[in-house]
Amino acid sequence: MDTSERAIEHLYRERYVGFRNALATVTGSYDTARDAVQEGFARALAPRRQFRGDAPIGAWVWRIALRAALETRGQAELPLDETVDPQLVEPERNPALATALATLSPRRRLVVFLHYYADFSYADIAAACDVSEGTVAATLAQARAALAAALQTEGATR
């Protein structure tokens, strides 16, 4: 087993649940997300020698798994920015949060889901979204402020 293969296996063991949770917001169900995570990791193992190491391995595998998830919706050919619009899988469990999240742009929502659902670091998010860590920090700060305002308004109207 080479170094890349061990790193991918370790990533799978440590971050499977986060990947599944984040991809469920893209696919709409935990079952299809589970399949997409497994397919993504299998694909990552096949061309692992293509991993150049210039980004975190988690971000590299994320992009592969995300493509697998988008294929389940027939959208893998479009640019990621145009296809990824994460939503809560079970909005009825927290309707106020679902409504507040819906006010965010898809890009902000993706960064929120990667950080809070997939437990990605700023570096991982930056590499996965092809932006700087500063952009990730600013996006999360803006998203938190928007969510706080939306949730405060929601609570005030009840």
N, C-alpha and C. Protein backbone atom coordinates (compact mmCIF):
# COMPACT_ATOMS: atom_id res chain seq x y z
N MET A 1 0.85 -1.17 0.00
CA MET A 1 0.00 0.00 0.00
C MET A 1 0.90 1.24 0.00
N ASP A 2 0.71 2.15 -0.97
CA ASP A 2 1.56 3.34 -1.03
C ASP A 2 1.00 4.46 -0.15
N THR A 3 1.73 5.55 -0.07
CA THR A 3 1.38 6.66 0.80
C THR A 3 0.03 7.28 0.45
N SER A 4 -0.23 7.47 -0.84
CA SER A 4 -1.51 8.06 -1.27
C SER A 4 -2.67 7.17 -0.88
N GLU A 5 -2.50 5.89 -1.11
CA GLU A 5 -3.56 4.94 -0.79
C GLU A 5 -3.86 4.95 0.70
N ARG A 6 -2.82 4.98 1.52
CA ARG A 6 -3.01 5.04 2.98
C ARG A 6 -3.71 6.34 3.38
N ALA A 7 -3.33 7.43 2.75
CA ALA A 7 -3.95 8.72 3.07
C ALA A 7 -5.44 8.72 2.70
N ILE A 8 -5.76 8.14 1.56
CA ILE A 8 -7.16 8.07 1.13
C ILE A 8 -7.95 7.16 2.07
N GLU A 9 -7.37 6.04 2.45
CA GLU A 9 -8.04 5.13 3.38
C GLU A 9 -8.27 5.81 4.73
N HIS A 10 -7.26 6.52 5.22
CA HIS A 10 -7.39 7.25 6.48
C HIS A 10 -8.48 8.32 6.38
N LEU A 11 -8.49 9.04 5.28
CA LEU A 11 -9.52 10.06 5.06
C LEU A 11 -10.91 9.43 5.07
N TYR A 12 -11.06 8.31 4.43
CA TYR A 12 -12.36 7.62 4.39
C TYR A 12 -12.79 7.23 5.80
N ARG A 13 -11.90 6.66 6.56
CA ARG A 13 -12.24 6.23 7.93
C ARG A 13 -12.58 7.41 8.83
N GLU A 14 -11.84 8.49 8.68
CA GLU A 14 -12.01 9.65 9.56
C GLU A 14 -13.14 10.59 9.14
N ARG A 15 -13.39 10.70 7.84
CA ARG A 15 -14.29 11.75 7.38
C ARG A 15 -15.50 11.25 6.59
N TYR A 16 -15.73 9.94 6.58
CA TYR A 16 -16.85 9.40 5.81
C TYR A 16 -18.17 10.09 6.16
N VAL A 17 -18.49 10.20 7.44
CA VAL A 17 -19.77 10.77 7.86
C VAL A 17 -19.90 12.22 7.39
N GLY A 18 -18.84 12.99 7.50
CA GLY A 18 -18.89 14.37 7.04
C GLY A 18 -19.12 14.46 5.54
N PHE A 19 -18.42 13.63 4.79
CA PHE A 19 -18.62 13.59 3.34
C PHE A 19 -20.07 13.22 3.02
N ARG A 20 -20.56 12.17 3.69
CA ARG A 20 -21.93 11.73 3.44
C ARG A 20 -22.93 12.82 3.77
N ASN A 21 -22.77 13.48 4.91
CA ASN A 21 -23.70 14.53 5.30
C ASN A 21 -23.69 15.69 4.32
N ALA A 22 -22.50 16.09 3.89
CA ALA A 22 -22.41 17.20 2.95
C ALA A 22 -22.97 16.83 1.59
N LEU A 23 -22.67 15.62 1.12
CA LEU A 23 -23.19 15.21 -0.19
C LEU A 23 -24.69 14.96 -0.15
N ALA A 24 -25.23 14.61 1.00
CA ALA A 24 -26.69 14.46 1.12
C ALA A 24 -27.40 15.77 0.85
N THR A 25 -26.75 16.89 1.18
CA THR A 25 -27.36 18.19 0.90
C THR A 25 -27.37 18.49 -0.59
N VAL A 26 -26.55 17.77 -1.35
CA VAL A 26 -26.49 17.95 -2.80
C VAL A 26 -27.42 16.94 -3.49
N THR A 27 -27.41 15.68 -3.02
CA THR A 27 -28.20 14.64 -3.67
C THR A 27 -29.64 14.59 -3.20
N GLY A 28 -29.87 15.06 -1.98
CA GLY A 28 -31.22 15.05 -1.44
C GLY A 28 -31.54 13.86 -0.56
N SER A 29 -30.61 12.91 -0.45
CA SER A 29 -30.87 11.78 0.45
C SER A 29 -29.54 11.21 0.95
N TYR A 30 -29.63 10.61 2.12
CA TYR A 30 -28.43 10.00 2.70
C TYR A 30 -28.04 8.73 1.93
N ASP A 31 -29.03 8.02 1.38
CA ASP A 31 -28.72 6.80 0.63
C ASP A 31 -27.91 7.10 -0.62
N THR A 32 -28.34 8.07 -1.42
CA THR A 32 -27.60 8.40 -2.63
C THR A 32 -26.26 9.05 -2.28
N ALA A 33 -26.23 9.78 -1.18
CA ALA A 33 -24.96 10.38 -0.74
C ALA A 33 -23.97 9.29 -0.33
N ARG A 34 -24.45 8.27 0.36
CA ARG A 34 -23.58 7.16 0.76
C ARG A 34 -22.96 6.51 -0.48
N ASP A 35 -23.79 6.27 -1.48
CA ASP A 35 -23.29 5.67 -2.72
C ASP A 35 -22.28 6.59 -3.41
N ALA A 36 -22.55 7.90 -3.41
CA ALA A 36 -21.65 8.85 -4.05
C ALA A 36 -20.31 8.91 -3.33
N VAL A 37 -20.33 8.86 -2.00
CA VAL A 37 -19.07 8.87 -1.24
C VAL A 37 -18.26 7.62 -1.57
N GLN A 38 -18.90 6.48 -1.58
CA GLN A 38 -18.18 5.24 -1.89
C GLN A 38 -17.63 5.27 -3.31
N GLU A 39 -18.44 5.75 -4.25
CA GLU A 39 -17.97 5.85 -5.64
C GLU A 39 -16.82 6.85 -5.75
N GLY A 40 -16.94 7.97 -5.07
CA GLY A 40 -15.89 8.98 -5.11
C GLY A 40 -14.56 8.47 -4.57
N PHE A 41 -14.61 7.77 -3.45
CA PHE A 41 -13.38 7.22 -2.88
C PHE A 41 -12.80 6.13 -3.77
N ALA A 42 -13.67 5.31 -4.36
CA ALA A 42 -13.19 4.27 -5.27
C ALA A 42 -12.49 4.91 -6.47
N ARG A 43 -13.08 5.97 -7.00
CA ARG A 43 -12.46 6.67 -8.13
C ARG A 43 -11.14 7.31 -7.72
N ALA A 44 -11.09 7.83 -6.50
CA ALA A 44 -9.86 8.47 -6.03
C ALA A 44 -8.74 7.44 -5.89
N LEU A 45 -9.09 6.24 -5.50
CA LEU A 45 -8.07 5.19 -5.36
C LEU A 45 -7.52 4.76 -6.72
N ALA A 46 -8.37 4.73 -7.73
CA ALA A 46 -7.92 4.29 -9.05
C ALA A 46 -6.83 5.19 -9.63
N PRO A 47 -7.04 6.51 -9.68
CA PRO A 47 -5.99 7.37 -10.26
C PRO A 47 -5.14 8.06 -9.20
N ARG A 48 -4.97 7.44 -8.03
CA ARG A 48 -4.32 8.13 -6.92
C ARG A 48 -2.94 8.64 -7.27
N ARG A 49 -2.33 8.07 -8.24
CA ARG A 49 -1.00 8.56 -8.63
C ARG A 49 -1.11 9.91 -9.35
N GLN A 50 -2.34 10.29 -9.71
CA GLN A 50 -2.55 11.61 -10.32
C GLN A 50 -2.60 12.72 -9.27
N PHE A 51 -2.74 12.37 -8.01
CA PHE A 51 -2.76 13.37 -6.95
C PHE A 51 -1.37 13.98 -6.83
N ARG A 52 -1.31 15.29 -7.09
CA ARG A 52 -0.02 15.98 -7.12
C ARG A 52 0.41 16.49 -5.75
N GLY A 53 -0.51 16.55 -4.82
CA GLY A 53 -0.16 17.02 -3.48
C GLY A 53 -0.14 18.53 -3.35
N ASP A 54 -0.63 19.26 -4.36
CA ASP A 54 -0.61 20.72 -4.28
C ASP A 54 -1.85 21.27 -3.57
N ALA A 55 -2.75 20.41 -3.16
CA ALA A 55 -3.94 20.79 -2.38
C ALA A 55 -4.16 19.68 -1.35
N PRO A 56 -4.95 19.95 -0.32
CA PRO A 56 -5.23 18.88 0.65
C PRO A 56 -5.93 17.71 -0.03
N ILE A 57 -5.59 16.51 0.38
CA ILE A 57 -6.16 15.33 -0.24
C ILE A 57 -7.68 15.27 -0.05
N GLY A 58 -8.15 15.80 1.08
CA GLY A 58 -9.59 15.83 1.33
C GLY A 58 -10.33 16.65 0.29
N ALA A 59 -9.76 17.77 -0.12
CA ALA A 59 -10.40 18.61 -1.14
C ALA A 59 -10.38 17.90 -2.49
N TRP A 60 -9.30 17.20 -2.80
CA TRP A 60 -9.19 16.48 -4.06
C TRP A 60 -10.25 15.37 -4.13
N VAL A 61 -10.37 14.60 -3.04
CA VAL A 61 -11.37 13.52 -3.01
C VAL A 61 -12.77 14.11 -3.01
N TRP A 62 -12.97 15.25 -2.32
CA TRP A 62 -14.29 15.89 -2.30
C TRP A 62 -14.76 16.19 -3.71
N ARG A 63 -13.91 16.76 -4.52
CA ARG A 63 -14.31 17.12 -5.88
C ARG A 63 -14.69 15.87 -6.69
N ILE A 64 -13.98 14.79 -6.47
CA ILE A 64 -14.29 13.52 -7.16
C ILE A 64 -15.64 12.99 -6.67
N ALA A 65 -15.85 12.99 -5.35
CA ALA A 65 -17.11 12.50 -4.78
C ALA A 65 -18.27 13.40 -5.18
N LEU A 66 -18.03 14.71 -5.23
CA LEU A 66 -19.08 15.63 -5.65
C LEU A 66 -19.50 15.36 -7.09
N ARG A 67 -18.53 15.13 -7.95
CA ARG A 67 -18.86 14.77 -9.35
C ARG A 67 -19.71 13.50 -9.38
N ALA A 68 -19.37 12.51 -8.56
CA ALA A 68 -20.16 11.27 -8.50
C ALA A 68 -21.58 11.57 -8.03
N ALA A 69 -21.72 12.46 -7.04
CA ALA A 69 -23.04 12.83 -6.55
C ALA A 69 -23.84 13.56 -7.62
N LEU A 70 -23.20 14.46 -8.34
CA LEU A 70 -23.89 15.21 -9.39
C LEU A 70 -24.32 14.30 -10.53
N GLU A 71 -23.55 13.25 -10.77
CA GLU A 71 -23.93 12.29 -11.81
C GLU A 71 -25.26 11.62 -11.49
N THR A 72 -25.56 11.45 -10.21
CA THR A 72 -26.83 10.84 -9.84
C THR A 72 -28.00 11.74 -10.22
N ARG A 73 -27.72 13.03 -10.40
CA ARG A 73 -28.75 13.99 -10.82
C ARG A 73 -28.62 14.34 -12.30
N GLY A 74 -27.67 13.71 -12.99
CA GLY A 74 -27.48 13.98 -14.41
C GLY A 74 -26.87 15.34 -14.69
N GLN A 75 -26.07 15.87 -13.75
CA GLN A 75 -25.53 17.22 -13.90
C GLN A 75 -24.01 17.29 -13.89
N ALA A 76 -23.34 16.23 -14.10
CA ALA A 76 -21.88 16.23 -13.94
C ALA A 76 -21.16 17.02 -15.02
N GLU A 77 -21.81 17.35 -16.11
CA GLU A 77 -21.13 18.05 -17.20
C GLU A 77 -21.06 19.56 -17.00
N LEU A 78 -21.89 20.12 -16.13
CA LEU A 78 -21.90 21.55 -15.91
C LEU A 78 -20.80 21.96 -14.93
N PRO A 79 -20.34 23.22 -15.00
CA PRO A 79 -19.36 23.68 -14.01
C PRO A 79 -19.92 23.56 -12.59
N LEU A 80 -19.07 23.24 -11.63
CA LEU A 80 -19.53 23.02 -10.26
C LEU A 80 -20.29 24.21 -9.70
N ASP A 81 -19.86 25.43 -10.00
CA ASP A 81 -20.55 26.60 -9.46
C ASP A 81 -22.00 26.68 -9.92
N GLU A 82 -22.30 26.10 -11.06
CA GLU A 82 -23.65 26.16 -11.59
C GLU A 82 -24.52 24.99 -11.15
N THR A 83 -23.94 23.96 -10.59
CA THR A 83 -24.70 22.76 -10.27
C THR A 83 -24.89 22.53 -8.78
N VAL A 84 -24.02 23.05 -7.96
CA VAL A 84 -24.08 22.74 -6.53
C VAL A 84 -24.93 23.78 -5.82
N ASP A 85 -26.08 23.31 -5.33
CA ASP A 85 -26.98 24.16 -4.57
C ASP A 85 -27.47 23.34 -3.37
N PRO A 86 -26.64 23.22 -2.33
CA PRO A 86 -26.98 22.35 -1.21
C PRO A 86 -28.23 22.81 -0.46
N GLN A 87 -29.00 21.85 -0.01
CA GLN A 87 -30.21 22.10 0.77
C GLN A 87 -30.25 21.10 1.92
N LEU A 88 -30.93 21.46 3.00
CA LEU A 88 -31.11 20.50 4.09
C LEU A 88 -31.87 19.29 3.57
N VAL A 89 -31.45 18.11 4.00
CA VAL A 89 -32.09 16.88 3.55
C VAL A 89 -33.49 16.75 4.16
N GLU A 90 -33.62 17.12 5.42
CA GLU A 90 -34.91 17.03 6.11
C GLU A 90 -35.28 18.41 6.65
N PRO A 91 -35.75 19.30 5.77
CA PRO A 91 -36.04 20.67 6.21
C PRO A 91 -37.12 20.75 7.27
N GLU A 92 -38.00 19.75 7.31
CA GLU A 92 -39.08 19.77 8.30
C GLU A 92 -38.56 19.60 9.73
N ARG A 93 -37.35 19.10 9.89
CA ARG A 93 -36.78 18.94 11.24
C ARG A 93 -36.43 20.28 11.86
N ASN A 94 -36.09 21.26 11.02
CA ASN A 94 -35.79 22.61 11.51
C ASN A 94 -36.18 23.61 10.42
N PRO A 95 -37.48 23.89 10.33
CA PRO A 95 -37.95 24.75 9.25
C PRO A 95 -37.35 26.16 9.27
N ALA A 96 -37.10 26.70 10.46
CA ALA A 96 -36.52 28.04 10.55
C ALA A 96 -35.12 28.06 9.96
N LEU A 97 -34.32 27.04 10.27
CA LEU A 97 -32.97 26.97 9.71
C LEU A 97 -33.02 26.75 8.21
N ALA A 98 -33.91 25.89 7.75
CA ALA A 98 -34.04 25.64 6.31
C ALA A 98 -34.41 26.92 5.58
N THR A 99 -35.31 27.70 6.14
CA THR A 99 -35.71 28.97 5.53
C THR A 99 -34.54 29.95 5.52
N ALA A 100 -33.82 30.01 6.64
CA ALA A 100 -32.67 30.92 6.73
C ALA A 100 -31.58 30.52 5.74
N LEU A 101 -31.29 29.22 5.65
CA LEU A 101 -30.27 28.76 4.70
C LEU A 101 -30.66 29.05 3.26
N ALA A 102 -31.96 28.99 2.97
CA ALA A 102 -32.43 29.26 1.61
C ALA A 102 -32.21 30.71 1.20
N THR A 103 -31.99 31.59 2.17
CA THR A 103 -31.73 32.99 1.82
C THR A 103 -30.29 33.22 1.35
N LEU A 104 -29.42 32.25 1.64
CA LEU A 104 -28.02 32.37 1.23
C LEU A 104 -27.87 32.01 -0.25
N SER A 105 -26.87 32.60 -0.88
CA SER A 105 -26.56 32.22 -2.25
C SER A 105 -26.05 30.77 -2.25
N PRO A 106 -26.16 30.06 -3.37
CA PRO A 106 -25.66 28.67 -3.40
C PRO A 106 -24.19 28.57 -3.00
N ARG A 107 -23.37 29.51 -3.40
CA ARG A 107 -21.93 29.47 -3.06
C ARG A 107 -21.73 29.59 -1.55
N ARG A 108 -22.45 30.53 -0.91
CA ARG A 108 -22.33 30.67 0.55
C ARG A 108 -22.85 29.43 1.24
N ARG A 109 -23.97 28.91 0.74
CA ARG A 109 -24.53 27.70 1.34
C ARG A 109 -23.54 26.54 1.23
N LEU A 110 -22.86 26.41 0.10
CA LEU A 110 -21.88 25.35 -0.08
C LEU A 110 -20.76 25.48 0.95
N VAL A 111 -20.26 26.68 1.13
CA VAL A 111 -19.18 26.89 2.10
C VAL A 111 -19.66 26.56 3.51
N VAL A 112 -20.88 26.96 3.85
CA VAL A 112 -21.45 26.64 5.17
C VAL A 112 -21.56 25.13 5.35
N PHE A 113 -22.08 24.44 4.35
CA PHE A 113 -22.24 22.99 4.45
C PHE A 113 -20.89 22.28 4.51
N LEU A 114 -19.92 22.73 3.74
CA LEU A 114 -18.60 22.11 3.80
C LEU A 114 -17.96 22.29 5.18
N HIS A 115 -18.16 23.47 5.76
CA HIS A 115 -17.55 23.73 7.06
C HIS A 115 -18.29 23.02 8.19
N TYR A 116 -19.60 23.16 8.23
CA TYR A 116 -20.36 22.65 9.37
C TYR A 116 -20.87 21.22 9.20
N TYR A 117 -21.09 20.77 7.99
CA TYR A 117 -21.60 19.42 7.79
C TYR A 117 -20.49 18.43 7.43
N ALA A 118 -19.53 18.87 6.62
CA ALA A 118 -18.43 17.99 6.23
C ALA A 118 -17.21 18.17 7.12
N ASP A 119 -17.24 19.17 8.00
CA ASP A 119 -16.13 19.44 8.92
C ASP A 119 -14.83 19.72 8.18
N PHE A 120 -14.93 20.45 7.07
CA PHE A 120 -13.76 20.83 6.31
C PHE A 120 -13.09 22.03 6.96
N SER A 121 -11.77 22.06 6.92
CA SER A 121 -11.01 23.21 7.38
C SER A 121 -11.12 24.32 6.33
N TYR A 122 -10.69 25.50 6.68
CA TYR A 122 -10.69 26.60 5.71
C TYR A 122 -9.81 26.23 4.50
N ALA A 123 -8.68 25.58 4.77
CA ALA A 123 -7.78 25.18 3.67
C ALA A 123 -8.46 24.18 2.74
N ASP A 124 -9.17 23.20 3.33
CA ASP A 124 -9.88 22.22 2.51
C ASP A 124 -10.96 22.88 1.66
N ILE A 125 -11.72 23.78 2.28
CA ILE A 125 -12.79 24.48 1.54
C ILE A 125 -12.20 25.32 0.43
N ALA A 126 -11.12 26.03 0.74
CA ALA A 126 -10.48 26.88 -0.27
C ALA A 126 -10.03 26.04 -1.46
N ALA A 127 -9.40 24.91 -1.19
CA ALA A 127 -8.94 24.05 -2.28
C ALA A 127 -10.10 23.44 -3.04
N ALA A 128 -11.15 23.01 -2.33
CA ALA A 128 -12.30 22.39 -2.98
C ALA A 128 -13.06 23.37 -3.86
N CYS A 129 -13.11 24.63 -3.43
CA CYS A 129 -13.88 25.65 -4.16
C CYS A 129 -13.01 26.54 -5.04
N ASP A 130 -11.70 26.30 -5.01
CA ASP A 130 -10.76 27.07 -5.82
C ASP A 130 -10.81 28.56 -5.51
N VAL A 131 -10.77 28.87 -4.20
CA VAL A 131 -10.72 30.24 -3.71
C VAL A 131 -9.64 30.32 -2.63
N SER A 132 -9.37 31.51 -2.15
CA SER A 132 -8.37 31.66 -1.09
C SER A 132 -9.01 31.38 0.28
N GLU A 133 -8.17 31.10 1.26
CA GLU A 133 -8.67 30.90 2.62
C GLU A 133 -9.32 32.17 3.16
N GLY A 134 -8.81 33.32 2.75
CA GLY A 134 -9.42 34.59 3.15
C GLY A 134 -10.84 34.72 2.62
N THR A 135 -11.05 34.26 1.40
CA THR A 135 -12.39 34.28 0.81
C THR A 135 -13.31 33.34 1.59
N VAL A 136 -12.79 32.20 2.00
CA VAL A 136 -13.58 31.26 2.80
C VAL A 136 -13.97 31.93 4.12
N ALA A 137 -13.01 32.55 4.79
CA ALA A 137 -13.29 33.21 6.07
C ALA A 137 -14.33 34.31 5.89
N ALA A 138 -14.17 35.13 4.86
CA ALA A 138 -15.13 36.21 4.61
C ALA A 138 -16.51 35.66 4.28
N THR A 139 -16.55 34.62 3.47
CA THR A 139 -17.82 34.02 3.08
C THR A 139 -18.54 33.45 4.29
N LEU A 140 -17.80 32.76 5.15
CA LEU A 140 -18.43 32.21 6.37
C LEU A 140 -18.91 33.32 7.29
N ALA A 141 -18.14 34.38 7.44
CA ALA A 141 -18.56 35.50 8.29
C ALA A 141 -19.84 36.13 7.74
N GLN A 142 -19.89 36.34 6.43
CA GLN A 142 -21.08 36.92 5.80
C GLN A 142 -22.28 35.98 5.95
N ALA A 143 -22.04 34.69 5.76
CA ALA A 143 -23.13 33.71 5.88
C ALA A 143 -23.65 33.66 7.31
N ARG A 144 -22.74 33.66 8.29
CA ARG A 144 -23.18 33.64 9.69
C ARG A 144 -24.02 34.86 10.02
N ALA A 145 -23.59 36.03 9.55
CA ALA A 145 -24.34 37.26 9.81
C ALA A 145 -25.73 37.18 9.17
N ALA A 146 -25.78 36.71 7.95
CA ALA A 146 -27.07 36.60 7.25
C ALA A 146 -27.98 35.58 7.95
N LEU A 147 -27.40 34.46 8.37
CA LEU A 147 -28.20 33.45 9.07
C LEU A 147 -28.69 33.98 10.42
N ALA A 148 -27.83 34.67 11.15
CA ALA A 148 -28.24 35.24 12.44
C ALA A 148 -29.39 36.22 12.25
N ALA A 149 -29.28 37.07 11.25
CA ALA A 149 -30.35 38.04 10.99
C ALA A 149 -31.64 37.33 10.58
N ALA A 150 -31.53 36.33 9.73
CA ALA A 150 -32.72 35.60 9.28
C ALA A 150 -33.36 34.84 10.42
N LEU A 151 -32.54 34.22 11.25
CA LEU A 151 -33.09 33.45 12.37
C LEU A 151 -33.67 34.37 13.45
N GLN A 152 -33.05 35.53 13.64
CA GLN A 152 -33.58 36.49 14.62
C GLN A 152 -34.93 37.01 14.13
N THR A 153 -35.03 37.32 12.85
CA THR A 153 -36.28 37.79 12.27
C THR A 153 -37.33 36.71 12.39
N GLU A 154 -36.95 35.47 12.11
CA GLU A 154 -37.88 34.33 12.22
C GLU A 154 -38.39 34.19 13.64
N GLY A 155 -37.50 34.32 14.62
CA GLY A 155 -37.90 34.20 16.01
C GLY A 155 -38.78 35.36 16.47
N ALA A 156 -38.55 36.55 15.91
CA ALA A 156 -39.32 37.73 16.28
C ALA A 156 -40.73 37.68 15.72
N THR A 157 -40.93 36.97 14.60
CA THR A 157 -42.24 36.93 13.97
C THR A 157 -43.14 35.84 14.55
N ARG A 158 -42.61 35.02 15.39
CA ARG A 158 -43.43 33.95 15.97
C ARG A 158 -44.31 34.43 17.06
